[in-house]
Amino acid sequence: MKAKSSPASITLDPASLAQVQLGARHTAMLDAARLECGGNAPWRHRKQAEALELCRLAEASGRMVIGQIDLRVEIRVDLLLQVTVACLPNPSEPPVVAEAARLGVTYREEAVVLPQPGFSFVQILAPQQVWSPSVSSGLVQALCLGTKLPAGIPLREIILMTYGALTMMSTQMDPANSAGVLNVAAAEWFQRNPSWIPLSNAPFLKPAEASV
């Protein structure tokens, strides 16, 4: 039998994401977060709009599972992202590649009006021993997305940049350039082993499966 035509592709622009319908789980999650959303009126509006778009991105991508959204002060999100992540549990052996990362994402009110350091938004909660030029080593695994991120950057862009950094489709590799490099040893290792780059070429939006 011929494969049926797949649905129209969703793109990552706001107009396209606005067409995505939320399922019951994301609807309930947003309703609960809105009840405790604090701050002045503009900040409350921004937080709720960002949370809504993030849920739409999760629905559309097939690559994100949002565990919790907290809008009481900042935007705080706990999510699982299906993404390739290099880890180095044993320094005497080659890296291993995990297939997902649990992220803690924080978006503060000042980020709306002021540029922010690139390491101030995302922390890798799991796996441990992440081996990436963009991720700091140690118990707190901060992810650096650049020297400065512009004021008002949308949360969806932070997630997309995170995906690009962890897959190494886009990452700073020059140990001599401290901007964006939080792990010099990892940067030097990947420069010596360029066949590892990127870890994946898979697009952020999973293609719809054709039915037969």
N, C-alpha and C. Protein backbone atom coordinates (compact mmCIF):
# COMPACT_ATOMS: atom_id res chain seq x y z
N MET A 1 0.83 -1.20 0.00
CA MET A 1 0.00 0.00 0.00
C MET A 1 0.87 1.24 0.00
N LYS A 2 0.36 2.31 -0.57
CA LYS A 2 1.10 3.56 -0.57
C LYS A 2 1.05 4.21 0.80
N ALA A 3 2.15 4.87 1.16
CA ALA A 3 2.17 5.62 2.41
C ALA A 3 1.29 6.84 2.28
N LYS A 4 0.53 7.11 3.31
CA LYS A 4 -0.31 8.30 3.31
C LYS A 4 0.56 9.53 3.49
N SER A 5 0.06 10.63 3.01
CA SER A 5 0.80 11.88 3.16
C SER A 5 0.88 12.23 4.64
N SER A 6 2.07 12.68 5.04
CA SER A 6 2.24 13.09 6.44
C SER A 6 1.63 14.47 6.65
N PRO A 7 1.29 14.83 7.89
CA PRO A 7 0.74 16.16 8.16
C PRO A 7 1.73 17.25 7.79
N ALA A 8 1.22 18.45 7.61
CA ALA A 8 2.10 19.59 7.29
C ALA A 8 3.14 19.75 8.39
N SER A 9 4.36 20.00 7.99
CA SER A 9 5.45 20.10 8.95
C SER A 9 5.31 21.34 9.82
N ILE A 10 5.62 21.18 11.10
CA ILE A 10 5.69 22.31 12.02
C ILE A 10 7.09 22.88 11.94
N THR A 11 7.19 24.19 11.89
CA THR A 11 8.49 24.84 11.95
C THR A 11 8.66 25.45 13.33
N LEU A 12 9.81 26.08 13.55
CA LEU A 12 10.14 26.54 14.89
C LEU A 12 9.85 28.03 15.10
N ASP A 13 9.19 28.67 14.15
CA ASP A 13 8.87 30.08 14.32
C ASP A 13 7.60 30.22 15.17
N PRO A 14 7.42 31.36 15.83
CA PRO A 14 6.27 31.54 16.71
C PRO A 14 4.92 31.32 16.03
N ALA A 15 4.78 31.77 14.78
CA ALA A 15 3.50 31.63 14.10
C ALA A 15 3.12 30.16 13.91
N SER A 16 4.11 29.33 13.57
CA SER A 16 3.85 27.92 13.38
C SER A 16 3.55 27.23 14.71
N LEU A 17 4.34 27.55 15.73
CA LEU A 17 4.11 26.93 17.03
C LEU A 17 2.76 27.32 17.62
N ALA A 18 2.28 28.50 17.26
CA ALA A 18 0.98 28.96 17.78
C ALA A 18 -0.16 28.07 17.30
N GLN A 19 0.06 27.30 16.25
CA GLN A 19 -0.98 26.41 15.72
C GLN A 19 -1.01 25.06 16.44
N VAL A 20 -0.01 24.79 17.28
CA VAL A 20 0.08 23.49 17.95
C VAL A 20 -0.92 23.43 19.10
N GLN A 21 -1.72 22.38 19.10
CA GLN A 21 -2.70 22.18 20.16
C GLN A 21 -2.07 21.40 21.31
N LEU A 22 -2.32 21.84 22.52
CA LEU A 22 -1.77 21.17 23.69
C LEU A 22 -2.64 19.99 24.10
N GLY A 23 -1.97 18.92 24.54
CA GLY A 23 -2.68 17.79 25.10
C GLY A 23 -3.08 18.05 26.54
N ALA A 24 -3.76 17.08 27.13
CA ALA A 24 -4.29 17.25 28.48
C ALA A 24 -3.18 17.45 29.51
N ARG A 25 -2.06 16.74 29.36
CA ARG A 25 -0.99 16.84 30.35
C ARG A 25 -0.39 18.24 30.39
N HIS A 26 -0.06 18.79 29.23
CA HIS A 26 0.54 20.12 29.19
C HIS A 26 -0.48 21.19 29.61
N THR A 27 -1.73 20.99 29.26
CA THR A 27 -2.76 21.95 29.66
C THR A 27 -2.88 22.01 31.17
N ALA A 28 -2.91 20.85 31.82
CA ALA A 28 -2.99 20.81 33.28
C ALA A 28 -1.74 21.39 33.92
N MET A 29 -0.57 21.12 33.34
CA MET A 29 0.68 21.65 33.87
C MET A 29 0.70 23.18 33.82
N LEU A 30 0.26 23.75 32.70
CA LEU A 30 0.23 25.20 32.56
C LEU A 30 -0.78 25.83 33.51
N ASP A 31 -1.96 25.21 33.62
CA ASP A 31 -2.98 25.75 34.53
C ASP A 31 -2.46 25.81 35.96
N ALA A 32 -1.76 24.75 36.38
CA ALA A 32 -1.23 24.72 37.74
C ALA A 32 -0.15 25.79 37.93
N ALA A 33 0.73 25.96 36.93
CA ALA A 33 1.81 26.95 37.03
C ALA A 33 1.25 28.38 37.05
N ARG A 34 0.21 28.63 36.28
CA ARG A 34 -0.39 29.96 36.22
C ARG A 34 -1.00 30.38 37.55
N LEU A 35 -1.51 29.43 38.30
CA LEU A 35 -2.14 29.74 39.58
C LEU A 35 -1.15 30.35 40.56
N GLU A 36 0.13 30.00 40.43
CA GLU A 36 1.16 30.49 41.35
C GLU A 36 2.12 31.47 40.68
N CYS A 37 1.74 31.99 39.54
CA CYS A 37 2.62 32.89 38.79
C CYS A 37 2.69 34.25 39.50
N GLY A 38 3.90 34.65 39.91
CA GLY A 38 4.07 35.89 40.65
C GLY A 38 4.77 36.97 39.84
N GLY A 39 4.88 38.15 40.46
CA GLY A 39 5.56 39.26 39.82
C GLY A 39 4.62 40.32 39.31
N ASN A 40 5.18 41.37 38.71
CA ASN A 40 4.35 42.43 38.14
C ASN A 40 3.65 41.92 36.88
N ALA A 41 2.68 42.69 36.41
CA ALA A 41 1.83 42.23 35.30
C ALA A 41 2.63 41.90 34.03
N PRO A 42 3.57 42.78 33.58
CA PRO A 42 4.32 42.43 32.37
C PRO A 42 5.14 41.14 32.52
N TRP A 43 5.74 40.95 33.70
CA TRP A 43 6.56 39.76 33.91
C TRP A 43 5.68 38.52 33.99
N ARG A 44 4.52 38.61 34.62
CA ARG A 44 3.61 37.47 34.66
C ARG A 44 3.17 37.10 33.25
N HIS A 45 2.85 38.10 32.44
CA HIS A 45 2.43 37.84 31.07
C HIS A 45 3.55 37.17 30.28
N ARG A 46 4.77 37.68 30.44
CA ARG A 46 5.90 37.10 29.71
C ARG A 46 6.15 35.65 30.14
N LYS A 47 6.10 35.41 31.45
CA LYS A 47 6.35 34.06 31.94
C LYS A 47 5.31 33.07 31.40
N GLN A 48 4.07 33.48 31.41
CA GLN A 48 3.02 32.57 30.93
C GLN A 48 3.13 32.34 29.42
N ALA A 49 3.50 33.37 28.67
CA ALA A 49 3.66 33.21 27.22
C ALA A 49 4.84 32.29 26.90
N GLU A 50 5.94 32.44 27.64
CA GLU A 50 7.10 31.58 27.42
C GLU A 50 6.78 30.13 27.77
N ALA A 51 6.07 29.92 28.87
CA ALA A 51 5.71 28.57 29.29
C ALA A 51 4.79 27.91 28.27
N LEU A 52 3.83 28.68 27.74
CA LEU A 52 2.92 28.15 26.72
C LEU A 52 3.70 27.73 25.48
N GLU A 53 4.61 28.59 25.02
CA GLU A 53 5.38 28.25 23.82
C GLU A 53 6.28 27.05 24.05
N LEU A 54 6.83 26.93 25.26
CA LEU A 54 7.67 25.78 25.56
C LEU A 54 6.86 24.49 25.50
N CYS A 55 5.65 24.52 26.03
CA CYS A 55 4.79 23.33 25.97
C CYS A 55 4.43 22.99 24.53
N ARG A 56 4.18 24.00 23.72
CA ARG A 56 3.91 23.75 22.30
C ARG A 56 5.12 23.15 21.61
N LEU A 57 6.31 23.62 21.97
CA LEU A 57 7.53 23.07 21.39
C LEU A 57 7.68 21.61 21.78
N ALA A 58 7.35 21.28 23.02
CA ALA A 58 7.42 19.89 23.46
C ALA A 58 6.43 19.02 22.69
N GLU A 59 5.22 19.52 22.49
CA GLU A 59 4.22 18.77 21.74
C GLU A 59 4.67 18.53 20.31
N ALA A 60 5.25 19.56 19.69
CA ALA A 60 5.60 19.48 18.27
C ALA A 60 6.85 18.66 18.01
N SER A 61 7.81 18.72 18.93
CA SER A 61 9.13 18.17 18.62
C SER A 61 9.22 16.66 18.78
N GLY A 62 8.45 16.09 19.71
CA GLY A 62 8.62 14.68 20.04
C GLY A 62 9.95 14.40 20.71
N ARG A 63 10.61 15.42 21.19
CA ARG A 63 11.97 15.29 21.71
C ARG A 63 12.09 15.79 23.16
N MET A 64 11.04 16.32 23.72
CA MET A 64 11.09 16.91 25.06
C MET A 64 9.98 16.35 25.94
N VAL A 65 10.32 16.09 27.20
CA VAL A 65 9.32 15.77 28.21
C VAL A 65 9.51 16.76 29.35
N ILE A 66 8.53 17.61 29.56
CA ILE A 66 8.61 18.60 30.63
C ILE A 66 8.13 17.96 31.92
N GLY A 67 9.00 17.99 32.94
CA GLY A 67 8.65 17.41 34.22
C GLY A 67 7.94 18.39 35.13
N GLN A 68 8.36 19.66 35.09
CA GLN A 68 7.78 20.66 35.98
C GLN A 68 8.02 22.05 35.43
N ILE A 69 7.05 22.92 35.60
CA ILE A 69 7.18 24.35 35.29
C ILE A 69 6.83 25.13 36.54
N ASP A 70 7.71 26.02 36.96
CA ASP A 70 7.52 26.84 38.15
C ASP A 70 7.61 28.31 37.73
N LEU A 71 6.52 29.04 37.91
CA LEU A 71 6.47 30.46 37.51
C LEU A 71 6.35 31.39 38.71
N ARG A 72 6.63 30.90 39.92
CA ARG A 72 6.41 31.71 41.11
C ARG A 72 7.30 32.96 41.13
N VAL A 73 8.57 32.82 40.79
CA VAL A 73 9.49 33.97 40.76
C VAL A 73 10.10 34.07 39.37
N GLU A 74 11.09 33.25 39.09
CA GLU A 74 11.62 33.14 37.73
C GLU A 74 10.79 32.10 36.95
N ILE A 75 11.16 31.90 35.71
CA ILE A 75 10.69 30.70 35.00
C ILE A 75 11.69 29.60 35.32
N ARG A 76 11.22 28.54 35.94
CA ARG A 76 12.07 27.39 36.22
C ARG A 76 11.43 26.15 35.62
N VAL A 77 12.22 25.43 34.85
CA VAL A 77 11.70 24.26 34.15
C VAL A 77 12.63 23.08 34.37
N ASP A 78 12.05 21.94 34.66
CA ASP A 78 12.78 20.68 34.73
C ASP A 78 12.30 19.85 33.54
N LEU A 79 13.21 19.51 32.64
CA LEU A 79 12.77 18.77 31.45
C LEU A 79 13.79 17.73 31.03
N LEU A 80 13.30 16.74 30.32
CA LEU A 80 14.14 15.70 29.74
C LEU A 80 14.18 15.92 28.23
N LEU A 81 15.38 16.05 27.70
CA LEU A 81 15.57 16.31 26.27
C LEU A 81 16.24 15.11 25.63
N GLN A 82 15.64 14.58 24.59
CA GLN A 82 16.26 13.49 23.84
C GLN A 82 17.33 14.10 22.94
N VAL A 83 18.58 13.87 23.33
CA VAL A 83 19.71 14.50 22.65
C VAL A 83 20.96 13.67 22.94
N THR A 84 21.85 13.60 21.97
CA THR A 84 23.11 12.91 22.21
C THR A 84 24.01 13.75 23.09
N VAL A 85 24.61 13.11 24.11
CA VAL A 85 25.46 13.81 25.07
C VAL A 85 26.71 12.97 25.30
N ALA A 86 27.88 13.56 25.05
CA ALA A 86 29.13 12.85 25.32
C ALA A 86 29.45 12.92 26.81
N CYS A 87 29.84 11.77 27.37
CA CYS A 87 30.21 11.69 28.78
C CYS A 87 31.55 10.98 28.90
N LEU A 88 32.29 11.29 29.95
CA LEU A 88 33.59 10.68 30.17
C LEU A 88 33.66 10.10 31.59
N PRO A 89 33.01 8.96 31.83
CA PRO A 89 33.06 8.37 33.17
C PRO A 89 34.43 7.81 33.53
N ASN A 90 35.21 7.44 32.50
CA ASN A 90 36.55 6.89 32.73
C ASN A 90 37.55 7.64 31.85
N PRO A 91 38.39 8.51 32.43
CA PRO A 91 39.31 9.32 31.63
C PRO A 91 40.30 8.51 30.80
N SER A 92 40.50 7.23 31.14
CA SER A 92 41.45 6.41 30.39
C SER A 92 40.79 5.71 29.21
N GLU A 93 39.50 5.92 29.01
CA GLU A 93 38.76 5.31 27.91
C GLU A 93 38.07 6.38 27.08
N PRO A 94 37.66 6.05 25.85
CA PRO A 94 36.94 7.04 25.04
C PRO A 94 35.62 7.43 25.67
N PRO A 95 35.07 8.56 25.28
CA PRO A 95 33.75 8.97 25.80
C PRO A 95 32.67 7.96 25.43
N VAL A 96 31.61 7.98 26.21
CA VAL A 96 30.40 7.23 25.87
C VAL A 96 29.33 8.27 25.54
N VAL A 97 28.34 7.85 24.77
CA VAL A 97 27.31 8.79 24.33
C VAL A 97 25.97 8.41 24.93
N ALA A 98 25.43 9.29 25.76
CA ALA A 98 24.08 9.12 26.30
C ALA A 98 23.07 9.64 25.27
N GLU A 99 21.84 9.19 25.42
CA GLU A 99 20.81 9.52 24.43
C GLU A 99 19.81 10.55 24.95
N ALA A 100 20.01 11.05 26.17
CA ALA A 100 19.08 12.05 26.72
C ALA A 100 19.79 12.83 27.82
N ALA A 101 19.27 14.00 28.11
CA ALA A 101 19.81 14.84 29.18
C ALA A 101 18.65 15.45 29.95
N ARG A 102 18.79 15.43 31.27
CA ARG A 102 17.83 16.13 32.11
C ARG A 102 18.38 17.53 32.37
N LEU A 103 17.57 18.53 32.09
CA LEU A 103 18.00 19.92 32.17
C LEU A 103 17.23 20.67 33.25
N GLY A 104 17.93 21.53 33.94
CA GLY A 104 17.30 22.54 34.78
C GLY A 104 17.47 23.88 34.10
N VAL A 105 16.37 24.51 33.73
CA VAL A 105 16.41 25.77 32.98
C VAL A 105 15.84 26.88 33.86
N THR A 106 16.58 28.00 33.94
CA THR A 106 16.14 29.15 34.73
C THR A 106 16.17 30.41 33.86
N TYR A 107 15.05 31.11 33.82
CA TYR A 107 14.96 32.35 33.04
C TYR A 107 14.51 33.44 34.01
N ARG A 108 15.42 34.37 34.31
CA ARG A 108 15.17 35.41 35.30
C ARG A 108 14.59 36.68 34.66
N GLU A 109 13.94 37.47 35.48
CA GLU A 109 13.27 38.67 34.98
C GLU A 109 14.24 39.62 34.30
N GLU A 110 15.46 39.75 34.83
CA GLU A 110 16.42 40.68 34.22
C GLU A 110 16.82 40.28 32.81
N ALA A 111 16.63 39.00 32.46
CA ALA A 111 16.98 38.55 31.11
C ALA A 111 16.09 39.16 30.05
N VAL A 112 14.95 39.70 30.46
CA VAL A 112 14.04 40.34 29.50
C VAL A 112 14.63 41.66 28.99
N VAL A 113 15.36 42.36 29.85
CA VAL A 113 15.80 43.71 29.50
C VAL A 113 17.31 43.87 29.41
N LEU A 114 18.07 42.88 29.90
CA LEU A 114 19.53 43.00 29.89
C LEU A 114 20.17 41.74 29.30
N PRO A 115 21.23 41.89 28.51
CA PRO A 115 21.98 40.71 28.07
C PRO A 115 22.48 39.92 29.27
N GLN A 116 22.52 38.60 29.11
CA GLN A 116 22.92 37.73 30.21
C GLN A 116 24.10 36.85 29.80
N PRO A 117 24.96 36.47 30.77
CA PRO A 117 26.03 35.52 30.45
C PRO A 117 25.45 34.23 29.88
N GLY A 118 26.15 33.66 28.94
CA GLY A 118 25.63 32.47 28.26
C GLY A 118 25.51 31.25 29.13
N PHE A 119 26.13 31.27 30.31
CA PHE A 119 26.08 30.10 31.20
C PHE A 119 24.99 30.23 32.26
N SER A 120 24.14 31.27 32.19
CA SER A 120 23.22 31.56 33.28
C SER A 120 21.85 30.91 33.14
N PHE A 121 21.61 30.18 32.06
CA PHE A 121 20.26 29.67 31.80
C PHE A 121 20.09 28.17 32.05
N VAL A 122 21.08 27.36 31.69
CA VAL A 122 20.88 25.90 31.63
C VAL A 122 21.92 25.18 32.47
N GLN A 123 21.44 24.22 33.24
CA GLN A 123 22.31 23.31 33.99
C GLN A 123 21.96 21.88 33.59
N ILE A 124 23.00 21.05 33.35
CA ILE A 124 22.79 19.64 33.03
C ILE A 124 22.69 18.88 34.35
N LEU A 125 21.51 18.37 34.66
CA LEU A 125 21.29 17.63 35.90
C LEU A 125 21.68 16.16 35.76
N ALA A 126 21.53 15.62 34.59
CA ALA A 126 21.92 14.24 34.29
C ALA A 126 22.06 14.14 32.77
N PRO A 127 22.99 13.33 32.30
CA PRO A 127 23.92 12.46 33.03
C PRO A 127 25.04 13.27 33.68
N GLN A 128 25.87 12.58 34.45
CA GLN A 128 27.04 13.19 35.05
C GLN A 128 28.25 12.97 34.14
N GLN A 129 29.36 13.63 34.49
CA GLN A 129 30.61 13.54 33.73
C GLN A 129 30.41 13.91 32.24
N VAL A 130 29.56 14.92 31.99
CA VAL A 130 29.38 15.37 30.60
C VAL A 130 30.72 15.88 30.07
N TRP A 131 31.05 15.47 28.85
CA TRP A 131 32.35 15.78 28.24
C TRP A 131 32.11 16.67 27.04
N SER A 132 32.12 17.96 27.29
CA SER A 132 31.80 18.93 26.25
C SER A 132 32.56 20.21 26.53
N PRO A 133 33.08 20.88 25.50
CA PRO A 133 33.72 22.18 25.71
C PRO A 133 32.78 23.20 26.34
N SER A 134 31.47 23.03 26.12
CA SER A 134 30.49 24.02 26.57
C SER A 134 29.94 23.76 27.96
N VAL A 135 30.35 22.65 28.60
CA VAL A 135 29.77 22.27 29.88
C VAL A 135 30.86 22.22 30.94
N SER A 136 30.64 22.90 32.05
CA SER A 136 31.62 22.90 33.12
C SER A 136 31.68 21.53 33.79
N SER A 137 32.87 21.16 34.24
CA SER A 137 33.03 19.89 34.94
C SER A 137 32.72 20.09 36.42
N GLY A 138 32.43 18.99 37.11
CA GLY A 138 32.12 19.08 38.54
C GLY A 138 30.67 18.78 38.81
N LEU A 139 30.25 18.99 40.05
CA LEU A 139 28.89 18.68 40.45
C LEU A 139 27.86 19.58 39.77
N VAL A 140 28.21 20.84 39.61
CA VAL A 140 27.32 21.77 38.89
C VAL A 140 27.78 21.83 37.45
N GLN A 141 26.96 21.29 36.56
CA GLN A 141 27.32 21.23 35.13
C GLN A 141 26.58 22.34 34.38
N ALA A 142 27.16 23.53 34.40
CA ALA A 142 26.58 24.66 33.68
C ALA A 142 26.87 24.51 32.20
N LEU A 143 25.88 24.87 31.38
CA LEU A 143 26.05 24.85 29.93
C LEU A 143 26.20 26.28 29.45
N CYS A 144 27.28 26.55 28.71
CA CYS A 144 27.50 27.89 28.17
C CYS A 144 27.03 27.95 26.73
N LEU A 145 26.17 28.92 26.44
CA LEU A 145 25.61 29.08 25.10
C LEU A 145 26.20 30.28 24.37
N GLY A 146 27.28 30.83 24.91
CA GLY A 146 27.93 31.97 24.28
C GLY A 146 28.38 32.96 25.34
N THR A 147 29.14 33.96 24.91
CA THR A 147 29.62 34.96 25.86
C THR A 147 28.47 35.70 26.50
N LYS A 148 27.58 36.24 25.68
CA LYS A 148 26.39 36.94 26.14
C LYS A 148 25.22 36.53 25.26
N LEU A 149 24.06 36.38 25.88
CA LEU A 149 22.84 36.16 25.11
C LEU A 149 22.02 37.45 25.15
N PRO A 150 21.39 37.79 24.05
CA PRO A 150 20.73 39.10 23.97
C PRO A 150 19.55 39.22 24.91
N ALA A 151 19.26 40.44 25.30
CA ALA A 151 18.10 40.70 26.14
C ALA A 151 16.84 40.23 25.43
N GLY A 152 15.97 39.60 26.19
CA GLY A 152 14.68 39.18 25.65
C GLY A 152 14.71 37.93 24.81
N ILE A 153 15.81 37.20 24.79
CA ILE A 153 15.87 35.99 23.99
C ILE A 153 14.75 35.04 24.40
N PRO A 154 14.00 34.48 23.45
CA PRO A 154 12.91 33.57 23.81
C PRO A 154 13.45 32.27 24.41
N LEU A 155 12.65 31.69 25.27
CA LEU A 155 13.04 30.43 25.90
C LEU A 155 13.21 29.32 24.87
N ARG A 156 12.39 29.33 23.82
CA ARG A 156 12.52 28.28 22.80
C ARG A 156 13.90 28.33 22.15
N GLU A 157 14.46 29.55 21.98
CA GLU A 157 15.78 29.67 21.37
C GLU A 157 16.85 29.10 22.29
N ILE A 158 16.67 29.24 23.59
CA ILE A 158 17.63 28.66 24.54
C ILE A 158 17.62 27.14 24.43
N ILE A 159 16.43 26.55 24.30
CA ILE A 159 16.34 25.09 24.15
C ILE A 159 16.99 24.64 22.85
N LEU A 160 16.74 25.35 21.77
CA LEU A 160 17.35 24.98 20.48
C LEU A 160 18.86 25.12 20.52
N MET A 161 19.36 26.17 21.16
CA MET A 161 20.80 26.35 21.29
C MET A 161 21.40 25.25 22.16
N THR A 162 20.67 24.83 23.18
CA THR A 162 21.13 23.72 24.03
C THR A 162 21.26 22.45 23.22
N TYR A 163 20.28 22.19 22.38
CA TYR A 163 20.33 20.99 21.52
C TYR A 163 21.55 21.05 20.60
N GLY A 164 21.78 22.20 19.99
CA GLY A 164 22.94 22.34 19.11
C GLY A 164 24.26 22.18 19.82
N ALA A 165 24.34 22.69 21.06
CA ALA A 165 25.59 22.59 21.82
C ALA A 165 25.87 21.16 22.24
N LEU A 166 24.85 20.44 22.72
CA LEU A 166 25.08 19.08 23.22
C LEU A 166 25.34 18.09 22.09
N THR A 167 24.67 18.25 20.95
CA THR A 167 24.96 17.40 19.79
C THR A 167 26.27 17.80 19.13
N MET A 168 26.78 18.97 19.50
CA MET A 168 28.00 19.54 18.94
C MET A 168 27.85 19.93 17.48
N MET A 169 26.62 20.16 17.06
CA MET A 169 26.40 20.76 15.75
C MET A 169 26.81 22.22 15.77
N SER A 170 26.74 22.83 16.95
CA SER A 170 27.21 24.21 17.11
C SER A 170 27.83 24.32 18.49
N THR A 171 29.11 24.53 18.55
CA THR A 171 29.78 24.67 19.84
C THR A 171 31.12 25.35 19.65
N GLN A 172 31.59 26.05 20.65
CA GLN A 172 32.89 26.72 20.62
C GLN A 172 33.97 25.70 20.92
N MET A 173 34.98 25.60 20.04
CA MET A 173 35.98 24.55 20.16
C MET A 173 37.38 25.04 20.46
N ASP A 174 37.60 26.34 20.44
CA ASP A 174 38.96 26.86 20.55
C ASP A 174 39.34 27.09 22.01
N PRO A 175 40.23 26.26 22.58
CA PRO A 175 40.62 26.45 23.98
C PRO A 175 41.27 27.81 24.24
N ALA A 176 41.86 28.40 23.20
CA ALA A 176 42.51 29.70 23.37
C ALA A 176 41.48 30.83 23.49
N ASN A 177 40.25 30.56 23.09
CA ASN A 177 39.19 31.54 23.19
C ASN A 177 38.29 31.15 24.36
N SER A 178 38.45 31.81 25.49
CA SER A 178 37.73 31.40 26.70
C SER A 178 36.23 31.64 26.60
N ALA A 179 35.81 32.48 25.67
CA ALA A 179 34.38 32.77 25.54
C ALA A 179 33.65 31.52 25.05
N GLY A 180 32.80 30.98 25.89
CA GLY A 180 32.01 29.81 25.50
C GLY A 180 32.65 28.49 25.84
N VAL A 181 33.92 28.46 26.22
CA VAL A 181 34.60 27.22 26.58
C VAL A 181 34.67 27.11 28.10
N LEU A 182 33.97 26.14 28.66
CA LEU A 182 34.00 25.92 30.11
C LEU A 182 34.83 24.70 30.49
N ASN A 183 35.19 23.88 29.51
CA ASN A 183 36.02 22.70 29.77
C ASN A 183 37.12 22.66 28.71
N VAL A 184 38.28 23.20 29.05
CA VAL A 184 39.39 23.29 28.10
C VAL A 184 39.88 21.90 27.70
N ALA A 185 39.93 20.97 28.66
CA ALA A 185 40.40 19.61 28.34
C ALA A 185 39.50 18.96 27.31
N ALA A 186 38.20 19.14 27.43
CA ALA A 186 37.27 18.56 26.45
C ALA A 186 37.45 19.23 25.09
N ALA A 187 37.64 20.55 25.08
CA ALA A 187 37.85 21.25 23.81
C ALA A 187 39.10 20.72 23.10
N GLU A 188 40.16 20.52 23.86
CA GLU A 188 41.40 20.00 23.26
C GLU A 188 41.22 18.57 22.76
N TRP A 189 40.46 17.76 23.52
CA TRP A 189 40.24 16.36 23.10
C TRP A 189 39.47 16.31 21.79
N PHE A 190 38.41 17.09 21.67
CA PHE A 190 37.61 17.06 20.45
C PHE A 190 38.36 17.65 19.27
N GLN A 191 39.26 18.60 19.51
CA GLN A 191 40.10 19.08 18.42
C GLN A 191 41.02 17.99 17.90
N ARG A 192 41.48 17.12 18.81
CA ARG A 192 42.34 16.00 18.39
C ARG A 192 41.52 14.85 17.79
N ASN A 193 40.22 14.86 18.03
CA ASN A 193 39.36 13.76 17.57
C ASN A 193 38.15 14.32 16.81
N PRO A 194 38.40 14.96 15.67
CA PRO A 194 37.30 15.65 14.97
C PRO A 194 36.25 14.71 14.40
N SER A 195 36.56 13.40 14.30
CA SER A 195 35.56 12.47 13.77
C SER A 195 34.35 12.34 14.69
N TRP A 196 34.48 12.79 15.93
CA TRP A 196 33.37 12.73 16.87
C TRP A 196 32.37 13.88 16.67
N ILE A 197 32.73 14.84 15.84
CA ILE A 197 31.91 16.05 15.69
C ILE A 197 31.18 16.03 14.34
N PRO A 198 29.84 16.19 14.34
CA PRO A 198 28.98 16.29 15.52
C PRO A 198 28.64 14.91 16.06
N LEU A 199 28.11 14.86 17.26
CA LEU A 199 27.65 13.58 17.81
C LEU A 199 26.42 13.09 17.08
N SER A 200 25.64 14.01 16.54
CA SER A 200 24.43 13.67 15.81
C SER A 200 24.09 14.79 14.85
N ASN A 201 23.49 14.40 13.72
CA ASN A 201 22.95 15.38 12.77
C ASN A 201 21.43 15.39 12.77
N ALA A 202 20.83 14.68 13.71
CA ALA A 202 19.36 14.57 13.73
C ALA A 202 18.74 15.95 13.99
N PRO A 203 17.72 16.34 13.24
CA PRO A 203 17.09 17.64 13.46
C PRO A 203 16.33 17.66 14.78
N PHE A 204 16.15 18.86 15.31
CA PHE A 204 15.43 18.99 16.57
C PHE A 204 13.99 18.51 16.44
N LEU A 205 13.34 18.85 15.35
CA LEU A 205 11.98 18.38 15.12
C LEU A 205 12.03 17.00 14.47
N LYS A 206 11.50 16.01 15.15
CA LYS A 206 11.46 14.68 14.57
C LYS A 206 10.48 14.64 13.41
N PRO A 207 10.85 14.03 12.28
CA PRO A 207 9.90 13.94 11.18
C PRO A 207 8.73 13.06 11.56
N ALA A 208 7.57 13.45 11.08
CA ALA A 208 6.36 12.65 11.35
C ALA A 208 6.49 11.28 10.68
N GLU A 209 6.08 10.25 11.39
CA GLU A 209 6.14 8.91 10.81
C GLU A 209 5.00 8.73 9.82
N ALA A 210 5.34 8.25 8.64
CA ALA A 210 4.31 8.01 7.64
C ALA A 210 3.54 6.76 7.99
N SER A 211 2.21 6.82 7.88
CA SER A 211 1.39 5.64 8.12
C SER A 211 1.14 4.91 6.81
N VAL A 212 0.85 3.63 6.88
CA VAL A 212 0.64 2.84 5.66
C VAL A 212 -0.77 2.30 5.62
